[in-house]
């Protein structure tokens, strides 16, 4: 796999893709999943959003942030502020309360 430190040129990307065997890569991934070698990573932010049953755009609007910010939180690239952490804790422990407040 190419290095993630710099973007590939179009020629480099074409050369890399020409060498790939996608079917073999998929089969290897399935083997790894069956063998328990793959872990699904979840975050408390994703879990809190899932408990509310809201989409990313709906949950972001409820939290008063952009979808991009929410995605950063979910992927661990960004950390929510103190107020956002409090709302996330409420969403996680009592999602109905957060949804009830949002409806008013």
C-alpha atoms as a PDB file:
ATOM      1  CA  UNK A   1       0.000   0.000   0.000  1.00  0.00           C
ATOM      2  CA  UNK A   2       1.302   3.502  -0.752  1.00  0.00           C
ATOM      3  CA  UNK A   3       2.499   5.776   2.014  1.00  0.00           C
ATOM      4  CA  UNK A   4      -0.172   7.974   3.599  1.00  0.00           C
ATOM      5  CA  UNK A   5       2.241  10.872   4.078  1.00  0.00           C
ATOM      6  CA  UNK A   6       1.746  12.470   0.662  1.00  0.00           C
ATOM      7  CA  UNK A   7      -0.818  12.425  -2.092  1.00  0.00           C
ATOM      8  CA  UNK A   8      -0.087  10.269  -5.095  1.00  0.00           C
ATOM      9  CA  UNK A   9       0.150  11.745  -8.543  1.00  0.00           C
ATOM     10  CA  UNK A  10      -2.353  10.508 -11.102  1.00  0.00           C
ATOM     11  CA  UNK A  11       0.338   8.344 -12.711  1.00  0.00           C
ATOM     12  CA  UNK A  12       1.374   6.829  -9.349  1.00  0.00           C
ATOM     13  CA  UNK A  13      -2.248   6.126  -8.438  1.00  0.00           C
ATOM     14  CA  UNK A  14      -2.904   4.475 -11.806  1.00  0.00           C
ATOM     15  CA  UNK A  15       0.223   2.315 -11.442  1.00  0.00           C
ATOM     16  CA  UNK A  16      -0.733   1.320  -7.887  1.00  0.00           C
ATOM     17  CA  UNK A  17      -4.319   0.450  -8.830  1.00  0.00           C
ATOM     18  CA  UNK A  18      -3.153  -1.597 -11.835  1.00  0.00           C
ATOM     19  CA  UNK A  19      -1.150  -3.880  -9.509  1.00  0.00           C
ATOM     20  CA  UNK A  20      -3.993  -4.498  -7.029  1.00  0.00           C
ATOM     21  CA  UNK A  21      -6.005  -7.696  -6.867  1.00  0.00           C
ATOM     22  CA  UNK A  22      -9.232  -6.505  -5.252  1.00  0.00           C
ATOM     23  CA  UNK A  23     -10.762  -9.968  -5.112  1.00  0.00           C
ATOM     24  CA  UNK A  24      -7.753 -11.296  -3.188  1.00  0.00           C
ATOM     25  CA  UNK A  25      -7.825  -8.278  -0.856  1.00  0.00           C
ATOM     26  CA  UNK A  26     -11.521  -8.853  -0.124  1.00  0.00           C
ATOM     27  CA  UNK A  27     -11.011 -12.556   0.515  1.00  0.00           C
ATOM     28  CA  UNK A  28      -8.106 -11.802   2.853  1.00  0.00           C
ATOM     29  CA  UNK A  29     -10.266  -9.294   4.736  1.00  0.00           C
ATOM     30  CA  UNK A  30     -13.047 -11.853   5.148  1.00  0.00           C
ATOM     31  CA  UNK A  31     -10.537 -14.439   6.402  1.00  0.00           C
ATOM     32  CA  UNK A  32      -9.195 -11.943   8.950  1.00  0.00           C
ATOM     33  CA  UNK A  33     -12.707 -11.086  10.133  1.00  0.00           C
ATOM     34  CA  UNK A  34     -13.624 -14.770  10.514  1.00  0.00           C
ATOM     35  CA  UNK A  35     -10.407 -15.400  12.445  1.00  0.00           C
ATOM     36  CA  UNK A  36     -11.210 -12.539  14.797  1.00  0.00           C
ATOM     37  CA  UNK A  37      -8.194 -10.542  13.694  1.00  0.00           C
ATOM     38  CA  UNK A  38     -10.208  -7.423  12.902  1.00  0.00           C
ATOM     39  CA  UNK A  39     -11.602  -5.142  15.568  1.00  0.00           C
ATOM     40  CA  UNK A  40     -14.457  -2.760  14.990  1.00  0.00           C
ATOM     41  CA  UNK A  41     -13.607   0.540  16.584  1.00  0.00           C
ATOM     42  CA  UNK A  42     -16.398   2.486  18.163  1.00  0.00           C
ATOM     43  CA  UNK A  43     -16.376   5.737  20.039  1.00  0.00           C
ATOM     44  CA  UNK A  44     -18.483   7.093  22.880  1.00  0.00           C
ATOM     45  CA  UNK A  45     -19.727   9.788  20.503  1.00  0.00           C
ATOM     46  CA  UNK A  46     -20.995   7.207  18.000  1.00  0.00           C
ATOM     47  CA  UNK A  47     -22.605   5.231  20.816  1.00  0.00           C
ATOM     48  CA  UNK A  48     -24.331   8.355  22.175  1.00  0.00           C
ATOM     49  CA  UNK A  49     -25.634   9.282  18.716  1.00  0.00           C
ATOM     50  CA  UNK A  50     -26.829   5.737  18.075  1.00  0.00           C
ATOM     51  CA  UNK A  51     -28.754   5.737  21.352  1.00  0.00           C
ATOM     52  CA  UNK A  52     -30.722   8.760  20.157  1.00  0.00           C
ATOM     53  CA  UNK A  53     -31.496   7.078  16.845  1.00  0.00           C
ATOM     54  CA  UNK A  54     -30.521  10.220  14.957  1.00  0.00           C
ATOM     55  CA  UNK A  55     -28.494  10.535  11.774  1.00  0.00           C
ATOM     56  CA  UNK A  56     -25.198  12.420  11.815  1.00  0.00           C
ATOM     57  CA  UNK A  57     -26.813  15.542  10.373  1.00  0.00           C
ATOM     58  CA  UNK A  58     -29.708  15.431  12.840  1.00  0.00           C
ATOM     59  CA  UNK A  59     -27.426  14.827  15.825  1.00  0.00           C
ATOM     60  CA  UNK A  60     -25.005  17.559  14.720  1.00  0.00           C
ATOM     61  CA  UNK A  61     -27.891  20.040  14.499  1.00  0.00           C
ATOM     62  CA  UNK A  62     -29.077  18.986  17.952  1.00  0.00           C
ATOM     63  CA  UNK A  63     -25.568  19.492  19.352  1.00  0.00           C
ATOM     64  CA  UNK A  64     -25.187  22.838  17.577  1.00  0.00           C
ATOM     65  CA  UNK A  65     -22.144  21.776  15.564  1.00  0.00           C
ATOM     66  CA  UNK A  66     -21.397  21.046  11.933  1.00  0.00           C
ATOM     67  CA  UNK A  67     -21.559  17.500  10.573  1.00  0.00           C
ATOM     68  CA  UNK A  68     -17.840  17.762   9.900  1.00  0.00           C
ATOM     69  CA  UNK A  69     -17.156  18.548  13.569  1.00  0.00           C
ATOM     70  CA  UNK A  70     -19.317  15.610  14.660  1.00  0.00           C
ATOM     71  CA  UNK A  71     -17.455  13.322  12.266  1.00  0.00           C
ATOM     72  CA  UNK A  72     -14.165  14.542  13.735  1.00  0.00           C
ATOM     73  CA  UNK A  73     -15.413  13.621  17.212  1.00  0.00           C
ATOM     74  CA  UNK A  74     -16.637  10.230  16.042  1.00  0.00           C
ATOM     75  CA  UNK A  75     -13.326   9.452  14.348  1.00  0.00           C
ATOM     76  CA  UNK A  76     -11.272  10.658  17.299  1.00  0.00           C
ATOM     77  CA  UNK A  77      -9.601  13.462  15.342  1.00  0.00           C
ATOM     78  CA  UNK A  78     -11.202  16.154  17.505  1.00  0.00           C
ATOM     79  CA  UNK A  79     -12.361  16.312  21.098  1.00  0.00           C
ATOM     80  CA  UNK A  80     -15.686  17.900  22.108  1.00  0.00           C
ATOM     81  CA  UNK A  81     -15.662  20.944  24.381  1.00  0.00           C
ATOM     82  CA  UNK A  82     -16.863  20.819  27.987  1.00  0.00           C
ATOM     83  CA  UNK A  83     -20.462  21.750  27.127  1.00  0.00           C
ATOM     84  CA  UNK A  84     -20.562  19.290  24.251  1.00  0.00           C
ATOM     85  CA  UNK A  85     -19.133  16.546  26.488  1.00  0.00           C
ATOM     86  CA  UNK A  86     -21.964  17.193  28.947  1.00  0.00           C
ATOM     87  CA  UNK A  87     -24.588  16.920  26.200  1.00  0.00           C
ATOM     88  CA  UNK A  88     -22.930  13.739  24.940  1.00  0.00           C
ATOM     89  CA  UNK A  89     -23.031  12.266  28.446  1.00  0.00           C
ATOM     90  CA  UNK A  90     -26.745  13.062  28.653  1.00  0.00           C
ATOM     91  CA  UNK A  91     -27.297  11.546  25.198  1.00  0.00           C
ATOM     92  CA  UNK A  92     -25.486   8.417  26.306  1.00  0.00           C
ATOM     93  CA  UNK A  93     -27.171   7.946  29.674  1.00  0.00           C
ATOM     94  CA  UNK A  94     -30.624   9.366  28.951  1.00  0.00           C
ATOM     95  CA  UNK A  95     -31.190   9.904  25.226  1.00  0.00           C
ATOM     96  CA  UNK A  96     -34.929  10.450  25.724  1.00  0.00           C
ATOM     97  CA  UNK A  97     -34.213  13.488  27.936  1.00  0.00           C
ATOM     98  CA  UNK A  98     -32.011  15.052  25.276  1.00  0.00           C
ATOM     99  CA  UNK A  99     -34.587  14.374  22.568  1.00  0.00           C
ATOM    100  CA  UNK A 100     -37.378  15.799  24.744  1.00  0.00           C
ATOM    101  CA  UNK A 101     -35.471  19.029  25.313  1.00  0.00           C
ATOM    102  CA  UNK A 102     -34.659  19.283  21.607  1.00  0.00           C
ATOM    103  CA  UNK A 103     -38.352  19.077  20.685  1.00  0.00           C
ATOM    104  CA  UNK A 104     -39.240  22.172  22.733  1.00  0.00           C
END
